[in-house]
Full PDB file with SEQRES, HELIX, SHEET, SSBOND, CRYST1, ORIGX, SCALE, CONECT and MASTER records, all heavy atoms in Angstrom:
SEQRES   1 A   43  PHE ARG GLU VAL GLY GLY GLN ASP LYS GLY PHE SER GLN          
SEQRES   2 A   43  VAL ALA ASP GLN GLU ASN ALA TYR VAL ALA ALA ASP ASP          
SEQRES   3 A   43  ILE GLU SER ALA TYR MET ARG LYS ILE PRO LEU TRP ALA          
SEQRES   4 A   43  PHE GLY PHE LEU                                              
HELIX    1 AA1 LEU A   37  PHE A   42  5                                   6    
SHEET    1 AA1 3 GLU A   3  GLY A   5  0                                        
SHEET    2 AA1 3 VAL A  22  ALA A  24  1                                        
SHEET    3 AA1 3 LYS A  34  PRO A  36  1                                        
CRYST1    1.000    1.000    1.000  90.00  90.00  90.00 P 1           1          
ORIGX1      1.000000  0.000000  0.000000        0.00000                         
ORIGX2      0.000000  1.000000  0.000000        0.00000                         
ORIGX3      0.000000  0.000000  1.000000        0.00000                         
SCALE1      1.000000  0.000000  0.000000        0.00000                         
SCALE2      0.000000  1.000000  0.000000        0.00000                         
SCALE3      0.000000  0.000000  1.000000        0.00000                         
ATOM      1  N   PHE A   1       1.092  -3.950  -7.932  1.00  0.00           N  
ATOM      2  CA  PHE A   1       1.421  -3.994  -6.382  1.00  0.00           C  
ATOM      3  C   PHE A   1       2.650  -4.662  -6.238  1.00  0.00           C  
ATOM      4  O   PHE A   1       2.901  -5.812  -6.738  1.00  0.00           O  
ATOM      5  CB  PHE A   1       0.348  -4.647  -5.654  1.00  0.00           C  
ATOM      6  CG  PHE A   1      -0.873  -3.792  -5.495  1.00  0.00           C  
ATOM      7  CD1 PHE A   1      -1.859  -3.827  -6.431  1.00  0.00           C  
ATOM      8  CD2 PHE A   1      -1.032  -2.878  -4.472  1.00  0.00           C  
ATOM      9  CE1 PHE A   1      -3.025  -2.942  -6.376  1.00  0.00           C  
ATOM     10  CE2 PHE A   1      -2.158  -1.958  -4.423  1.00  0.00           C  
ATOM     11  CZ  PHE A   1      -3.102  -2.060  -5.305  1.00  0.00           C  
ATOM     12  N   ARG A   2       3.564  -4.000  -5.501  1.00  0.00           N  
ATOM     13  CA  ARG A   2       4.884  -4.670  -5.316  1.00  0.00           C  
ATOM     14  C   ARG A   2       5.068  -5.155  -3.841  1.00  0.00           C  
ATOM     15  O   ARG A   2       5.835  -5.824  -3.530  1.00  0.00           O  
ATOM     16  CB  ARG A   2       6.055  -3.660  -5.631  1.00  0.00           C  
ATOM     17  CG  ARG A   2       5.965  -3.351  -7.101  1.00  0.00           C  
ATOM     18  CD  ARG A   2       6.489  -4.537  -7.912  1.00  0.00           C  
ATOM     19  NE  ARG A   2       6.566  -3.974  -9.348  1.00  0.00           N  
ATOM     20  CZ  ARG A   2       6.374  -4.820 -10.351  1.00  0.00           C  
ATOM     21  NH1 ARG A   2       6.156  -5.986 -10.182  1.00  0.00           N  
ATOM     22  NH2 ARG A   2       6.446  -4.339 -11.620  1.00  0.00           N  
ATOM     23  N   GLU A   3       4.362  -4.415  -2.989  1.00  0.00           N  
ATOM     24  CA  GLU A   3       4.485  -4.769  -1.552  1.00  0.00           C  
ATOM     25  C   GLU A   3       3.265  -4.803  -0.815  1.00  0.00           C  
ATOM     26  O   GLU A   3       2.280  -4.005  -1.089  1.00  0.00           O  
ATOM     27  CB  GLU A   3       5.408  -3.736  -0.876  1.00  0.00           C  
ATOM     28  CG  GLU A   3       6.827  -3.691  -1.312  1.00  0.00           C  
ATOM     29  CD  GLU A   3       7.569  -4.995  -0.952  1.00  0.00           C  
ATOM     30  OE1 GLU A   3       7.301  -5.462   0.226  1.00  0.00           O  
ATOM     31  OE2 GLU A   3       8.363  -5.393  -1.764  1.00  0.00           O  
ATOM     32  N   VAL A   4       3.109  -5.726   0.067  1.00  0.00           N  
ATOM     33  CA  VAL A   4       1.942  -5.811   1.014  1.00  0.00           C  
ATOM     34  C   VAL A   4       2.523  -5.939   2.447  1.00  0.00           C  
ATOM     35  O   VAL A   4       3.417  -6.657   2.674  1.00  0.00           O  
ATOM     36  CB  VAL A   4       1.039  -7.102   0.722  1.00  0.00           C  
ATOM     37  CG1 VAL A   4       0.033  -7.241   1.819  1.00  0.00           C  
ATOM     38  CG2 VAL A   4       0.539  -6.983  -0.620  1.00  0.00           C  
ATOM     39  N   GLY A   5       2.061  -5.099   3.363  1.00  0.00           N  
ATOM     40  CA  GLY A   5       2.566  -5.009   4.666  1.00  0.00           C  
ATOM     41  C   GLY A   5       1.778  -4.426   5.752  1.00  0.00           C  
ATOM     42  O   GLY A   5       0.638  -4.001   5.348  1.00  0.00           O  
ATOM     43  N   GLY A   6       2.312  -4.031   6.838  1.00  0.00           N  
ATOM     44  CA  GLY A   6       1.521  -3.377   7.833  1.00  0.00           C  
ATOM     45  C   GLY A   6       1.610  -1.854   7.730  1.00  0.00           C  
ATOM     46  O   GLY A   6       2.131  -1.382   6.681  1.00  0.00           O  
ATOM     47  N   GLN A   7       1.049  -1.114   8.699  1.00  0.00           N  
ATOM     48  CA  GLN A   7       0.938   0.371   8.488  1.00  0.00           C  
ATOM     49  C   GLN A   7       2.377   0.968   8.458  1.00  0.00           C  
ATOM     50  O   GLN A   7       2.439   2.020   7.992  1.00  0.00           O  
ATOM     51  CB  GLN A   7       0.088   0.920   9.683  1.00  0.00           C  
ATOM     52  CG  GLN A   7       0.821   0.865  11.052  1.00  0.00           C  
ATOM     53  CD  GLN A   7      -0.047   1.424  12.050  1.00  0.00           C  
ATOM     54  OE1 GLN A   7      -1.297   1.576  11.817  1.00  0.00           O  
ATOM     55  NE2 GLN A   7       0.502   1.809  13.182  1.00  0.00           N  
ATOM     56  N   ASP A   8       3.353   0.378   8.959  1.00  0.00           N  
ATOM     57  CA  ASP A   8       4.685   0.961   9.015  1.00  0.00           C  
ATOM     58  C   ASP A   8       5.368   0.556   7.693  1.00  0.00           C  
ATOM     59  O   ASP A   8       6.588   1.001   7.543  1.00  0.00           O  
ATOM     60  CB  ASP A   8       5.489   0.508  10.146  1.00  0.00           C  
ATOM     61  CG  ASP A   8       4.878   0.911  11.477  1.00  0.00           C  
ATOM     62  OD1 ASP A   8       4.306   2.133  11.408  1.00  0.00           O  
ATOM     63  OD2 ASP A   8       4.990   0.220  12.437  1.00  0.00           O  
ATOM     64  N   LYS A   9       4.845  -0.134   6.813  1.00  0.00           N  
ATOM     65  CA  LYS A   9       5.465  -0.511   5.479  1.00  0.00           C  
ATOM     66  C   LYS A   9       5.860   0.750   4.767  1.00  0.00           C  
ATOM     67  O   LYS A   9       4.930   1.627   4.369  1.00  0.00           O  
ATOM     68  CB  LYS A   9       4.628  -1.391   4.734  1.00  0.00           C  
ATOM     69  CG  LYS A   9       5.219  -1.971   3.518  1.00  0.00           C  
ATOM     70  CD  LYS A   9       6.385  -2.856   3.831  1.00  0.00           C  
ATOM     71  CE  LYS A   9       6.994  -3.436   2.591  1.00  0.00           C  
ATOM     72  NZ  LYS A   9       8.106  -4.324   2.968  1.00  0.00           N  
ATOM     73  N   GLY A  10       6.962   0.903   4.292  1.00  0.00           N  
ATOM     74  CA  GLY A  10       7.375   2.138   3.644  1.00  0.00           C  
ATOM     75  C   GLY A  10       7.503   1.798   2.123  1.00  0.00           C  
ATOM     76  O   GLY A  10       7.072   0.838   1.642  1.00  0.00           O  
ATOM     77  N   PHE A  11       8.054   2.914   1.418  1.00  0.00           N  
ATOM     78  CA  PHE A  11       8.041   2.786  -0.127  1.00  0.00           C  
ATOM     79  C   PHE A  11       9.446   2.455  -0.524  1.00  0.00           C  
ATOM     80  O   PHE A  11       9.814   2.559  -1.644  1.00  0.00           O  
ATOM     81  CB  PHE A  11       7.698   4.160  -0.550  1.00  0.00           C  
ATOM     82  CG  PHE A  11       6.246   4.589  -0.375  1.00  0.00           C  
ATOM     83  CD1 PHE A  11       5.872   5.343   0.675  1.00  0.00           C  
ATOM     84  CD2 PHE A  11       5.210   3.957  -1.104  1.00  0.00           C  
ATOM     85  CE1 PHE A  11       4.593   5.606   0.900  1.00  0.00           C  
ATOM     86  CE2 PHE A  11       3.944   4.221  -0.881  1.00  0.00           C  
ATOM     87  CZ  PHE A  11       3.534   5.051   0.068  1.00  0.00           C  
ATOM     88  N   SER A  12      10.440   2.062   0.349  1.00  0.00           N  
ATOM     89  CA  SER A  12      11.787   1.871  -0.064  1.00  0.00           C  
ATOM     90  C   SER A  12      11.971   0.866  -1.109  1.00  0.00           C  
ATOM     91  O   SER A  12      12.784   0.900  -2.068  1.00  0.00           O  
ATOM     92  CB  SER A  12      12.666   1.490   1.086  1.00  0.00           C  
ATOM     93  OG  SER A  12      12.190   0.229   1.728  1.00  0.00           O  
ATOM     94  N   GLN A  13      11.183  -0.267  -1.128  1.00  0.00           N  
ATOM     95  CA  GLN A  13      11.157  -1.271  -2.094  1.00  0.00           C  
ATOM     96  C   GLN A  13      10.574  -0.935  -3.443  1.00  0.00           C  
ATOM     97  O   GLN A  13      10.832  -1.617  -4.521  1.00  0.00           O  
ATOM     98  CB  GLN A  13      10.550  -2.683  -1.532  1.00  0.00           C  
ATOM     99  CG  GLN A  13      11.408  -3.309  -0.573  1.00  0.00           C  
ATOM    100  CD  GLN A  13      10.869  -3.170   0.821  1.00  0.00           C  
ATOM    101  OE1 GLN A  13       9.964  -2.429   1.057  1.00  0.00           O  
ATOM    102  NE2 GLN A  13      11.540  -3.724   1.702  1.00  0.00           N  
ATOM    103  N   VAL A  14       9.595  -0.020  -3.377  1.00  0.00           N  
ATOM    104  CA  VAL A  14       8.892   0.460  -4.657  1.00  0.00           C  
ATOM    105  C   VAL A  14       9.461   1.825  -5.097  1.00  0.00           C  
ATOM    106  O   VAL A  14       8.728   2.412  -5.971  1.00  0.00           O  
ATOM    107  CB  VAL A  14       7.513   0.246  -4.517  1.00  0.00           C  
ATOM    108  CG1 VAL A  14       6.985  -1.044  -4.288  1.00  0.00           C  
ATOM    109  CG2 VAL A  14       6.956   1.245  -3.417  1.00  0.00           C  
ATOM    110  N   ALA A  15      10.437   2.357  -4.516  1.00  0.00           N  
ATOM    111  CA  ALA A  15      10.859   3.654  -4.806  1.00  0.00           C  
ATOM    112  C   ALA A  15      11.183   3.968  -6.439  1.00  0.00           C  
ATOM    113  O   ALA A  15      10.849   4.992  -6.918  1.00  0.00           O  
ATOM    114  CB  ALA A  15      12.071   4.105  -4.106  1.00  0.00           C  
ATOM    115  N   ASP A  16      11.823   2.899  -6.991  1.00  0.00           N  
ATOM    116  CA  ASP A  16      12.102   2.953  -8.370  1.00  0.00           C  
ATOM    117  C   ASP A  16      11.055   2.559  -9.312  1.00  0.00           C  
ATOM    118  O   ASP A  16      11.301   2.676 -10.555  1.00  0.00           O  
ATOM    119  CB  ASP A  16      13.475   2.318  -8.583  1.00  0.00           C  
ATOM    120  CG  ASP A  16      13.272   0.780  -8.292  1.00  0.00           C  
ATOM    121  OD1 ASP A  16      12.469   0.419  -7.552  1.00  0.00           O  
ATOM    122  OD2 ASP A  16      14.228   0.042  -8.799  1.00  0.00           O  
ATOM    123  N   GLN A  17       9.972   2.096  -8.838  1.00  0.00           N  
ATOM    124  CA  GLN A  17       8.808   1.643  -9.706  1.00  0.00           C  
ATOM    125  C   GLN A  17       7.890   2.745  -9.938  1.00  0.00           C  
ATOM    126  O   GLN A  17       7.545   3.546  -9.046  1.00  0.00           O  
ATOM    127  CB  GLN A  17       8.192   0.470  -9.108  1.00  0.00           C  
ATOM    128  CG  GLN A  17       8.971  -0.720  -8.722  1.00  0.00           C  
ATOM    129  CD  GLN A  17       9.492  -1.397  -9.969  1.00  0.00           C  
ATOM    130  OE1 GLN A  17       8.745  -1.531 -10.767  1.00  0.00           O  
ATOM    131  NE2 GLN A  17      10.707  -1.934  -9.895  1.00  0.00           N  
ATOM    132  N   GLU A  18       7.531   2.906 -11.196  1.00  0.00           N  
ATOM    133  CA  GLU A  18       6.622   4.035 -11.530  1.00  0.00           C  
ATOM    134  C   GLU A  18       5.222   3.850 -11.149  1.00  0.00           C  
ATOM    135  O   GLU A  18       4.579   4.738 -10.533  1.00  0.00           O  
ATOM    136  CB  GLU A  18       6.666   4.265 -12.994  1.00  0.00           C  
ATOM    137  CG  GLU A  18       5.912   5.549 -13.513  1.00  0.00           C  
ATOM    138  CD  GLU A  18       6.177   5.793 -14.969  1.00  0.00           C  
ATOM    139  OE1 GLU A  18       7.303   5.714 -15.455  1.00  0.00           O  
ATOM    140  OE2 GLU A  18       5.136   6.201 -15.625  1.00  0.00           O  
ATOM    141  N   ASN A  19       4.600   2.764 -11.455  1.00  0.00           N  
ATOM    142  CA  ASN A  19       3.315   2.417 -11.061  1.00  0.00           C  
ATOM    143  C   ASN A  19       3.073   1.385  -9.982  1.00  0.00           C  
ATOM    144  O   ASN A  19       2.265   0.462 -10.179  1.00  0.00           O  
ATOM    145  CB  ASN A  19       2.490   1.955 -12.324  1.00  0.00           C  
ATOM    146  CG  ASN A  19       2.142   3.158 -13.332  1.00  0.00           C  
ATOM    147  OD1 ASN A  19       2.126   4.314 -12.881  1.00  0.00           O  
ATOM    148  ND2 ASN A  19       2.109   2.819 -14.563  1.00  0.00           N  
ATOM    149  N   ALA A  20       3.905   1.570  -8.941  1.00  0.00           N  
ATOM    150  CA  ALA A  20       3.747   0.580  -7.860  1.00  0.00           C  
ATOM    151  C   ALA A  20       3.043   1.191  -6.634  1.00  0.00           C  
ATOM    152  O   ALA A  20       3.251   2.328  -6.415  1.00  0.00           O  
ATOM    153  CB  ALA A  20       5.210   0.132  -7.425  1.00  0.00           C  
ATOM    154  N   TYR A  21       2.378   0.248  -5.902  1.00  0.00           N  
ATOM    155  CA  TYR A  21       1.575   0.722  -4.821  1.00  0.00           C  
ATOM    156  C   TYR A  21       1.840  -0.222  -3.631  1.00  0.00           C  
ATOM    157  O   TYR A  21       2.343  -1.364  -3.883  1.00  0.00           O  
ATOM    158  CB  TYR A  21      -0.020   0.662  -5.135  1.00  0.00           C  
ATOM    159  CG  TYR A  21      -0.360   1.590  -6.145  1.00  0.00           C  
ATOM    160  CD1 TYR A  21      -0.347   1.292  -7.469  1.00  0.00           C  
ATOM    161  CD2 TYR A  21      -0.817   2.885  -5.822  1.00  0.00           C  
ATOM    162  CE1 TYR A  21      -0.747   2.223  -8.502  1.00  0.00           C  
ATOM    163  CE2 TYR A  21      -1.193   3.813  -6.713  1.00  0.00           C  
ATOM    164  CZ  TYR A  21      -1.166   3.427  -8.070  1.00  0.00           C  
ATOM    165  OH  TYR A  21      -1.478   4.344  -9.000  1.00  0.00           O  
ATOM    166  N   VAL A  22       1.622   0.284  -2.433  1.00  0.00           N  
ATOM    167  CA  VAL A  22       1.690  -0.579  -1.244  1.00  0.00           C  
ATOM    168  C   VAL A  22       0.343  -0.826  -0.737  1.00  0.00           C  
ATOM    169  O   VAL A  22      -0.406   0.081  -0.569  1.00  0.00           O  
ATOM    170  CB  VAL A  22       2.628   0.220  -0.196  1.00  0.00           C  
ATOM    171  CG1 VAL A  22       2.615  -0.601   1.155  1.00  0.00           C  
ATOM    172  CG2 VAL A  22       4.027   0.365  -0.691  1.00  0.00           C  
ATOM    173  N   ALA A  23      -0.021  -2.121  -0.507  1.00  0.00           N  
ATOM    174  CA  ALA A  23      -1.249  -2.421   0.078  1.00  0.00           C  
ATOM    175  C   ALA A  23      -0.944  -2.729   1.657  1.00  0.00           C  
ATOM    176  O   ALA A  23      -0.262  -3.588   2.007  1.00  0.00           O  
ATOM    177  CB  ALA A  23      -1.849  -3.706  -0.476  1.00  0.00           C  
ATOM    178  N   ALA A  24      -1.471  -1.822   2.426  1.00  0.00           N  
ATOM    179  CA  ALA A  24      -0.996  -1.798   3.789  1.00  0.00           C  
ATOM    180  C   ALA A  24      -2.255  -2.213   4.830  1.00  0.00           C  
ATOM    181  O   ALA A  24      -3.380  -1.691   4.619  1.00  0.00           O  
ATOM    182  CB  ALA A  24      -0.376  -0.509   4.327  1.00  0.00           C  
ATOM    183  N   ASP A  25      -1.984  -2.932   5.796  1.00  0.00           N  
ATOM    184  CA  ASP A  25      -2.908  -3.327   6.731  1.00  0.00           C  
ATOM    185  C   ASP A  25      -2.841  -2.276   8.016  1.00  0.00           C  
ATOM    186  O   ASP A  25      -1.932  -1.598   8.102  1.00  0.00           O  
ATOM    187  CB  ASP A  25      -2.598  -4.667   7.398  1.00  0.00           C  
ATOM    188  CG  ASP A  25      -3.683  -5.359   8.005  1.00  0.00           C  
ATOM    189  OD1 ASP A  25      -4.807  -4.834   7.897  1.00  0.00           O  
ATOM    190  OD2 ASP A  25      -3.569  -6.400   8.699  1.00  0.00           O  
ATOM    191  N   ASP A  26      -3.928  -2.160   8.704  1.00  0.00           N  
ATOM    192  CA  ASP A  26      -4.125  -1.367   9.898  1.00  0.00           C  
ATOM    193  C   ASP A  26      -3.980   0.107   9.500  1.00  0.00           C  
ATOM    194  O   ASP A  26      -3.648   1.065  10.364  1.00  0.00           O  
ATOM    195  CB  ASP A  26      -2.987  -1.695  10.979  1.00  0.00           C  
ATOM    196  CG  ASP A  26      -3.092  -3.116  11.453  1.00  0.00           C  
ATOM    197  OD1 ASP A  26      -4.358  -3.528  11.470  1.00  0.00           O  
ATOM    198  OD2 ASP A  26      -2.107  -3.647  11.771  1.00  0.00           O  
ATOM    199  N   ILE A  27      -4.469   0.607   8.317  1.00  0.00           N  
ATOM    200  CA  ILE A  27      -4.539   1.950   8.102  1.00  0.00           C  
ATOM    201  C   ILE A  27      -6.102   2.145   7.588  1.00  0.00           C  
ATOM    202  O   ILE A  27      -6.724   1.307   7.120  1.00  0.00           O  
ATOM    203  CB  ILE A  27      -3.672   2.540   7.016  1.00  0.00           C  
ATOM    204  CG1 ILE A  27      -3.932   1.856   5.580  1.00  0.00           C  
ATOM    205  CG2 ILE A  27      -2.156   2.340   7.486  1.00  0.00           C  
ATOM    206  CD1 ILE A  27      -3.044   2.493   4.523  1.00  0.00           C  
ATOM    207  N   GLU A  28      -6.608   3.353   7.852  1.00  0.00           N  
ATOM    208  CA  GLU A  28      -8.119   3.657   7.587  1.00  0.00           C  
ATOM    209  C   GLU A  28      -8.334   4.219   6.333  1.00  0.00           C  
ATOM    210  O   GLU A  28      -9.371   3.951   5.697  1.00  0.00           O  
ATOM    211  CB  GLU A  28      -8.592   4.463   8.751  1.00  0.00           C  
ATOM    212  CG  GLU A  28      -8.616   3.768  10.076  1.00  0.00           C  
ATOM    213  CD  GLU A  28      -9.378   4.631  11.125  1.00  0.00           C  
ATOM    214  OE1 GLU A  28     -10.058   5.611  10.806  1.00  0.00           O  
ATOM    215  OE2 GLU A  28      -9.038   4.448  12.284  1.00  0.00           O  
ATOM    216  N   SER A  29      -7.387   5.079   5.792  1.00  0.00           N  
ATOM    217  CA  SER A  29      -7.605   5.631   4.430  1.00  0.00           C  
ATOM    218  C   SER A  29      -6.286   5.685   3.638  1.00  0.00           C  
ATOM    219  O   SER A  29      -5.314   5.441   4.177  1.00  0.00           O  
ATOM    220  CB  SER A  29      -8.128   7.006   4.720  1.00  0.00           C  
ATOM    221  OG  SER A  29      -7.187   7.865   5.432  1.00  0.00           O  
ATOM    222  N   ALA A  30      -6.559   5.896   2.401  1.00  0.00           N  
ATOM    223  CA  ALA A  30      -5.403   5.840   1.521  1.00  0.00           C  
ATOM    224  C   ALA A  30      -4.716   7.187   1.422  1.00  0.00           C  
ATOM    225  O   ALA A  30      -5.324   8.160   1.612  1.00  0.00           O  
ATOM    226  CB  ALA A  30      -5.895   5.524   0.067  1.00  0.00           C  
ATOM    227  N   TYR A  31      -3.447   7.134   1.168  1.00  0.00           N  
ATOM    228  CA  TYR A  31      -2.638   8.315   0.989  1.00  0.00           C  
ATOM    229  C   TYR A  31      -1.397   8.039   0.175  1.00  0.00           C  
ATOM    230  O   TYR A  31      -0.839   6.924   0.182  1.00  0.00           O  
ATOM    231  CB  TYR A  31      -2.200   9.112   2.343  1.00  0.00           C  
ATOM    232  CG  TYR A  31      -1.409   8.197   3.215  1.00  0.00           C  
ATOM    233  CD1 TYR A  31      -0.082   8.364   3.220  1.00  0.00           C  
ATOM    234  CD2 TYR A  31      -1.999   7.288   4.095  1.00  0.00           C  
ATOM    235  CE1 TYR A  31       0.684   7.551   4.102  1.00  0.00           C  
ATOM    236  CE2 TYR A  31      -1.284   6.553   4.915  1.00  0.00           C  
ATOM    237  CZ  TYR A  31       0.118   6.654   4.921  1.00  0.00           C  
ATOM    238  OH  TYR A  31       0.891   5.932   5.760  1.00  0.00           O  
ATOM    239  N   MET A  32      -0.973   8.993  -0.683  1.00  0.00           N  
ATOM    240  CA  MET A  32       0.046   8.759  -1.581  1.00  0.00           C  
ATOM    241  C   MET A  32      -0.120   7.518  -2.334  1.00  0.00           C  
ATOM    242  O   MET A  32      -1.153   7.399  -3.129  1.00  0.00           O  
ATOM    243  CB  MET A  32       1.520   8.704  -0.844  1.00  0.00           C  
ATOM    244  CG  MET A  32       1.776  10.120  -0.315  1.00  0.00           C  
ATOM    245  SD  MET A  32       3.328  10.069   0.651  1.00  0.00           S  
ATOM    246  CE  MET A  32       4.525   9.391  -0.458  1.00  0.00           C  
ATOM    247  N   ARG A  33       0.687   6.632  -2.322  1.00  0.00           N  
ATOM    248  CA  ARG A  33       0.553   5.327  -3.041  1.00  0.00           C  
ATOM    249  C   ARG A  33       0.346   4.110  -2.121  1.00  0.00           C  
ATOM    250  O   ARG A  33       0.714   3.063  -2.367  1.00  0.00           O  
ATOM    251  CB  ARG A  33       1.859   5.052  -3.984  1.00  0.00           C  
ATOM    252  CG  ARG A  33       1.963   6.073  -5.050  1.00  0.00           C  
ATOM    253  CD  ARG A  33       3.159   5.739  -5.953  1.00  0.00           C  
ATOM    254  NE  ARG A  33       4.406   5.725  -5.083  1.00  0.00           N  
ATOM    255  CZ  ARG A  33       5.575   5.338  -5.640  1.00  0.00           C  
ATOM    256  NH1 ARG A  33       5.682   4.977  -6.815  1.00  0.00           N  
ATOM    257  NH2 ARG A  33       6.587   5.377  -4.832  1.00  0.00           N  
ATOM    258  N   LYS A  34      -0.222   4.490  -1.000  1.00  0.00           N  
ATOM    259  CA  LYS A  34      -0.480   3.389   0.135  1.00  0.00           C  
ATOM    260  C   LYS A  34      -1.996   3.225   0.210  1.00  0.00           C  
ATOM    261  O   LYS A  34      -2.710   4.129   0.521  1.00  0.00           O  
ATOM    262  CB  LYS A  34       0.134   3.777   1.470  1.00  0.00           C  
ATOM    263  CG  LYS A  34       0.012   2.637   2.370  1.00  0.00           C  
ATOM    264  CD  LYS A  34       0.655   3.129   3.738  1.00  0.00           C  
ATOM    265  CE  LYS A  34       2.210   2.923   3.679  1.00  0.00           C  
ATOM    266  NZ  LYS A  34       2.755   3.096   5.038  1.00  0.00           N  
ATOM    267  N   ILE A  35      -2.403   2.056  -0.073  1.00  0.00           N  
ATOM    268  CA  ILE A  35      -3.834   1.675  -0.109  1.00  0.00           C  
ATOM    269  C   ILE A  35      -4.198   0.693   0.959  1.00  0.00           C  
ATOM    270  O   ILE A  35      -3.536  -0.208   1.265  1.00  0.00           O  
ATOM    271  CB  ILE A  35      -4.333   1.080  -1.395  1.00  0.00           C  
ATOM    272  CG1 ILE A  35      -4.000   2.083  -2.560  1.00  0.00           C  
ATOM    273  CG2 ILE A  35      -5.798   0.677  -1.505  1.00  0.00           C  
ATOM    274  CD1 ILE A  35      -4.164   1.565  -4.015  1.00  0.00           C  
ATOM    275  N   PRO A  36      -5.335   0.953   1.747  1.00  0.00           N  
ATOM    276  CA  PRO A  36      -5.636  -0.009   2.825  1.00  0.00           C  
ATOM    277  C   PRO A  36      -6.034  -1.361   2.283  1.00  0.00           C  
ATOM    278  O   PRO A  36      -6.639  -1.460   1.283  1.00  0.00           O  
ATOM    279  CB  PRO A  36      -6.812   0.765   3.581  1.00  0.00           C  
ATOM    280  CG  PRO A  36      -7.232   1.764   2.685  1.00  0.00           C  
ATOM    281  CD  PRO A  36      -6.242   2.084   1.683  1.00  0.00           C  
ATOM    282  N   LEU A  37      -5.637  -2.317   2.922  1.00  0.00           N  
ATOM    283  CA  LEU A  37      -5.776  -3.711   2.536  1.00  0.00           C  
ATOM    284  C   LEU A  37      -7.305  -3.969   2.618  1.00  0.00           C  
ATOM    285  O   LEU A  37      -7.809  -4.732   1.793  1.00  0.00           O  
ATOM    286  CB  LEU A  37      -5.035  -4.616   3.482  1.00  0.00           C  
ATOM    287  CG  LEU A  37      -4.854  -5.996   2.991  1.00  0.00           C  
ATOM    288  CD1 LEU A  37      -4.072  -5.968   1.663  1.00  0.00           C  
ATOM    289  CD2 LEU A  37      -3.970  -6.745   3.937  1.00  0.00           C  
ATOM    290  N   TRP A  38      -8.123  -3.432   3.511  1.00  0.00           N  
ATOM    291  CA  TRP A  38      -9.503  -3.771   3.610  1.00  0.00           C  
ATOM    292  C   TRP A  38     -10.258  -3.275   2.433  1.00  0.00           C  
ATOM    293  O   TRP A  38     -11.384  -3.743   2.033  1.00  0.00           O  
ATOM    294  CB  TRP A  38     -10.138  -3.176   4.841  1.00  0.00           C  
ATOM    295  CG  TRP A  38      -9.966  -1.672   5.066  1.00  0.00           C  
ATOM    296  CD1 TRP A  38      -9.024  -0.931   5.777  1.00  0.00           C  
ATOM    297  CD2 TRP A  38     -10.888  -0.638   4.451  1.00  0.00           C  
ATOM    298  NE1 TRP A  38      -9.352   0.432   5.500  1.00  0.00           N  
ATOM    299  CE2 TRP A  38     -10.407   0.520   4.726  1.00  0.00           C  
ATOM    300  CE3 TRP A  38     -12.071  -0.854   3.507  1.00  0.00           C  
ATOM    301  CZ2 TRP A  38     -11.063   1.663   4.313  1.00  0.00           C  
ATOM    302  CZ3 TRP A  38     -12.644   0.370   3.204  1.00  0.00           C  
ATOM    303  CH2 TRP A  38     -12.174   1.599   3.529  1.00  0.00           C  
ATOM    304  N   ALA A  39      -9.729  -2.258   1.687  1.00  0.00           N  
ATOM    305  CA  ALA A  39     -10.383  -1.686   0.428  1.00  0.00           C  
ATOM    306  C   ALA A  39     -10.620  -2.802  -0.661  1.00  0.00           C  
ATOM    307  O   ALA A  39     -11.525  -2.712  -1.386  1.00  0.00           O  
ATOM    308  CB  ALA A  39      -9.682  -0.535  -0.048  1.00  0.00           C  
ATOM    309  N   PHE A  40      -9.708  -3.758  -0.645  1.00  0.00           N  
ATOM    310  CA  PHE A  40      -9.830  -4.715  -1.706  1.00  0.00           C  
ATOM    311  C   PHE A  40     -11.057  -5.755  -1.402  1.00  0.00           C  
ATOM    312  O   PHE A  40     -11.411  -6.409  -2.349  1.00  0.00           O  
ATOM    313  CB  PHE A  40      -8.515  -5.465  -1.656  1.00  0.00           C  
ATOM    314  CG  PHE A  40      -7.365  -4.539  -2.315  1.00  0.00           C  
ATOM    315  CD1 PHE A  40      -6.418  -4.142  -1.463  1.00  0.00           C  
ATOM    316  CD2 PHE A  40      -7.340  -4.369  -3.624  1.00  0.00           C  
ATOM    317  CE1 PHE A  40      -5.496  -3.233  -1.908  1.00  0.00           C  
ATOM    318  CE2 PHE A  40      -6.293  -3.498  -4.020  1.00  0.00           C  
ATOM    319  CZ  PHE A  40      -5.361  -2.920  -3.235  1.00  0.00           C  
ATOM    320  N   GLY A  41     -11.481  -5.700  -0.197  1.00  0.00           N  
ATOM    321  CA  GLY A  41     -12.659  -6.567   0.080  1.00  0.00           C  
ATOM    322  C   GLY A  41     -13.923  -6.103  -0.650  1.00  0.00           C  
ATOM    323  O   GLY A  41     -14.784  -6.882  -0.987  1.00  0.00           O  
ATOM    324  N   PHE A  42     -13.992  -4.851  -0.992  1.00  0.00           N  
ATOM    325  CA  PHE A  42     -15.034  -4.237  -1.741  1.00  0.00           C  
ATOM    326  C   PHE A  42     -15.011  -4.601  -3.241  1.00  0.00           C  
ATOM    327  O   PHE A  42     -15.971  -4.488  -4.008  1.00  0.00           O  
ATOM    328  CB  PHE A  42     -15.110  -2.757  -1.676  1.00  0.00           C  
ATOM    329  CG  PHE A  42     -15.433  -2.250  -0.344  1.00  0.00           C  
ATOM    330  CD1 PHE A  42     -14.517  -1.414   0.315  1.00  0.00           C  
ATOM    331  CD2 PHE A  42     -16.712  -2.562   0.275  1.00  0.00           C  
ATOM    332  CE1 PHE A  42     -14.854  -1.042   1.621  1.00  0.00           C  
ATOM    333  CE2 PHE A  42     -16.932  -2.034   1.561  1.00  0.00           C  
ATOM    334  CZ  PHE A  42     -16.090  -1.243   2.180  1.00  0.00           C  
ATOM    335  N   LEU A  43     -13.898  -5.020  -3.675  1.00  0.00           N  
ATOM    336  CA  LEU A  43     -13.757  -5.530  -5.111  1.00  0.00           C  
ATOM    337  C   LEU A  43     -14.108  -6.981  -5.324  1.00  0.00           C  
ATOM    338  O   LEU A  43     -14.243  -7.462  -6.414  1.00  0.00           O  
ATOM    339  CB  LEU A  43     -12.252  -5.373  -5.549  1.00  0.00           C  
ATOM    340  CG  LEU A  43     -11.715  -3.847  -5.461  1.00  0.00           C  
ATOM    341  CD1 LEU A  43     -10.238  -3.858  -5.926  1.00  0.00           C  
ATOM    342  CD2 LEU A  43     -12.455  -3.019  -6.518  1.00  0.00           C  
TER     343      LEU A  43                                                      
MASTER        0    0    0    1    3    0    0    6  342    1    0    4          
END                                                                             
């Protein structure tokens, strides 16, 4: 994970990283390489 931010957080900082994901707040489901922050509560 390279970035943690809100729902408007983009992929510009992780564009050149191969296995980088964005953990975003205020989203309900995952898409592309953006995972909701609440999902980590299940881990």
